[in-house]
Amino acid sequence: MRSRYGENSNQYRVHVLGLLPEADDNALIPWEWVVRATQHKEDPKPDTSYRIVWGIDIATLGTNRSALIKRQGPLVIEAPKRQQGLNTMQNVAWIQDEYARTPKKDRPHRIYIDRIGVGAGVADRLSDQRLPV
């Protein structure tokens, strides 16, 4: 197993050493990155050489929630915002309101929206409204 998969592979760790896997093989963000990120003691300062961007994952009606993350470079600059039970146009209004309430100096250079599925309509409408999608 070590020669086939490598000493640091999940296959070797789990099946030979009897240890927990270090990360899910299909994970977008490795678990050890999450652990390391939570162990930082000081509050990092935003790097103003980066422009502010927003990332949005859209959900509609049901139990899933839409999520908005504001980021400047590698730093998340606000706690994530979430909304549940909104239809497509209500999601558009939520994002427009957030944009309008944000001071101009803190508005995003770009808004990145997951366009697969229900996010496509939201992205199109916000683009029509001249938000930087």
Protein backbone atom coordinates (compact mmCIF):
# COMPACT_ATOMS: atom_id res chain seq x y z
CA MET A 1 0.00 0.00 0.00
CA ARG A 2 2.85 2.39 0.81
CA SER A 3 4.60 1.82 -2.52
CA ARG A 4 1.34 1.87 -4.49
CA TYR A 5 -0.38 4.92 -2.90
CA GLY A 6 2.39 6.65 -0.95
CA GLU A 7 3.13 7.02 2.73
CA ASN A 8 0.96 10.12 3.10
CA SER A 9 -2.07 8.74 1.26
CA ASN A 10 -5.39 8.12 2.96
CA GLN A 11 -5.28 4.52 1.74
CA TYR A 12 -2.03 3.86 3.60
CA ARG A 13 -3.02 5.87 6.70
CA VAL A 14 -6.40 4.17 7.09
CA HIS A 15 -5.81 0.60 5.92
CA VAL A 16 -2.25 0.04 7.17
CA LEU A 17 -1.69 2.43 10.06
CA GLY A 18 -5.28 2.46 11.31
CA LEU A 19 -5.36 6.27 11.45
CA LEU A 20 -8.10 8.65 10.44
CA PRO A 21 -7.84 10.08 6.92
CA GLU A 22 -6.21 13.49 6.70
CA ALA A 23 -8.78 14.72 4.15
CA ASP A 24 -11.66 13.45 2.09
CA ASP A 25 -10.28 12.51 -1.33
CA ASN A 26 -13.11 14.50 -2.98
CA ALA A 27 -12.96 17.53 -0.66
CA LEU A 28 -12.59 20.97 -2.17
CA ILE A 29 -10.86 22.28 0.98
CA PRO A 30 -8.63 19.82 2.86
CA TRP A 31 -9.59 19.36 6.51
CA GLU A 32 -6.09 20.19 7.73
CA TRP A 33 -6.40 23.65 6.14
CA VAL A 34 -9.56 24.26 8.15
CA VAL A 35 -7.86 23.14 11.36
CA ARG A 36 -4.83 25.36 10.72
CA ALA A 37 -7.05 28.35 9.92
CA THR A 38 -8.86 28.04 13.25
CA GLN A 39 -5.60 27.98 15.20
CA HIS A 40 -4.47 31.52 14.27
CA LYS A 41 -4.35 33.64 17.39
CA GLU A 42 -4.13 37.21 16.05
CA ASP A 43 -6.68 38.94 13.87
CA PRO A 44 -5.23 39.42 10.39
CA LYS A 45 -5.51 42.84 8.78
CA PRO A 46 -6.99 43.26 5.29
CA ASP A 47 -4.41 43.86 2.58
CA THR A 48 -5.69 46.92 0.76
CA SER A 49 -3.63 46.08 -2.32
CA TYR A 50 -6.42 43.56 -3.05
CA ARG A 51 -9.84 44.61 -4.27
CA ILE A 52 -12.92 43.49 -2.38
CA VAL A 53 -14.93 40.71 -4.01
CA TRP A 54 -18.10 38.91 -3.00
CA GLY A 55 -18.79 35.23 -3.52
CA ILE A 56 -22.40 34.08 -3.56
CA ASP A 57 -23.97 30.64 -3.66
CA ILE A 58 -27.68 30.84 -4.43
CA ALA A 59 -30.33 28.55 -3.01
CA THR A 60 -34.07 28.89 -3.39
CA LEU A 61 -37.05 27.74 -1.37
CA GLY A 62 -36.57 24.65 0.79
CA THR A 63 -33.95 23.92 3.44
CA ASN A 64 -30.79 25.11 1.66
CA ARG A 65 -29.54 28.62 2.31
CA SER A 66 -28.05 31.26 0.03
CA ALA A 67 -24.67 32.44 1.27
CA LEU A 68 -22.67 35.63 0.76
CA ILE A 69 -18.97 35.90 1.58
CA LYS A 70 -17.05 39.19 1.39
CA ARG A 71 -13.33 38.81 0.79
CA GLN A 72 -10.29 41.02 0.32
CA GLY A 73 -7.42 38.95 -1.01
CA PRO A 74 -7.21 35.76 1.03
CA LEU A 75 -9.05 37.31 4.00
CA VAL A 76 -12.79 37.02 4.68
CA ILE A 77 -13.61 40.52 5.93
CA GLU A 78 -17.09 39.92 7.38
CA ALA A 79 -18.99 37.05 8.86
CA PRO A 80 -20.85 35.10 6.14
CA LYS A 81 -24.43 36.18 5.51
CA ARG A 82 -27.12 33.61 4.80
CA GLN A 83 -30.75 33.67 3.69
CA GLN A 84 -33.22 30.80 3.52
CA GLY A 85 -36.51 30.38 1.72
CA LEU A 86 -36.02 33.11 -0.89
CA ASN A 87 -37.13 32.71 -4.48
CA THR A 88 -34.96 33.92 -7.35
CA MET A 89 -36.13 37.54 -7.34
CA GLN A 90 -36.02 37.75 -3.55
CA ASN A 91 -32.37 36.64 -3.73
CA VAL A 92 -31.77 39.42 -6.28
CA ALA A 93 -33.37 41.96 -3.92
CA TRP A 94 -31.32 40.67 -0.95
CA ILE A 95 -28.06 41.15 -2.86
CA GLN A 96 -29.12 44.54 -4.26
CA ASP A 97 -30.00 45.71 -0.72
CA GLU A 98 -26.67 44.50 0.64
CA TYR A 99 -24.85 46.28 -2.19
CA ALA A 100 -26.80 49.54 -1.63
CA ARG A 101 -26.17 49.44 2.15
CA THR A 102 -22.44 48.92 1.65
CA PRO A 103 -20.41 52.17 1.69
CA LYS A 104 -19.06 52.91 -1.79
CA LYS A 105 -15.44 52.43 -0.68
CA ASP A 106 -16.30 48.92 0.56
CA ARG A 107 -18.36 47.78 -2.44
CA PRO A 108 -17.07 44.81 -4.39
CA HIS A 109 -14.97 45.11 -7.50
CA ARG A 110 -16.61 41.85 -8.64
CA ILE A 111 -19.48 39.67 -7.45
CA TYR A 112 -18.93 36.00 -8.21
CA ILE A 113 -22.10 33.92 -8.32
CA ASP A 114 -22.38 30.17 -8.76
CA ARG A 115 -24.31 30.20 -12.06
CA ILE A 116 -25.04 26.50 -12.13
CA GLY A 117 -28.75 26.02 -11.62
CA VAL A 118 -30.72 28.71 -9.78
CA GLY A 119 -27.80 31.15 -9.58
CA ALA A 120 -27.91 31.84 -13.33
CA GLY A 121 -31.11 33.90 -13.16
CA VAL A 122 -29.85 35.86 -10.17
CA ALA A 123 -26.54 36.61 -11.90
CA ASP A 124 -28.30 37.70 -15.10
CA ARG A 125 -30.70 40.03 -13.28
CA LEU A 126 -27.95 41.61 -11.15
CA SER A 127 -25.87 42.12 -14.28
CA ASP A 128 -28.88 43.80 -15.93
CA GLN A 129 -29.04 46.10 -12.88
CA ARG A 130 -25.38 47.05 -13.53
CA LEU A 131 -23.91 45.35 -10.47
CA PRO A 132 -20.37 44.08 -11.12
CA VAL A 133 -21.30 40.42 -11.61
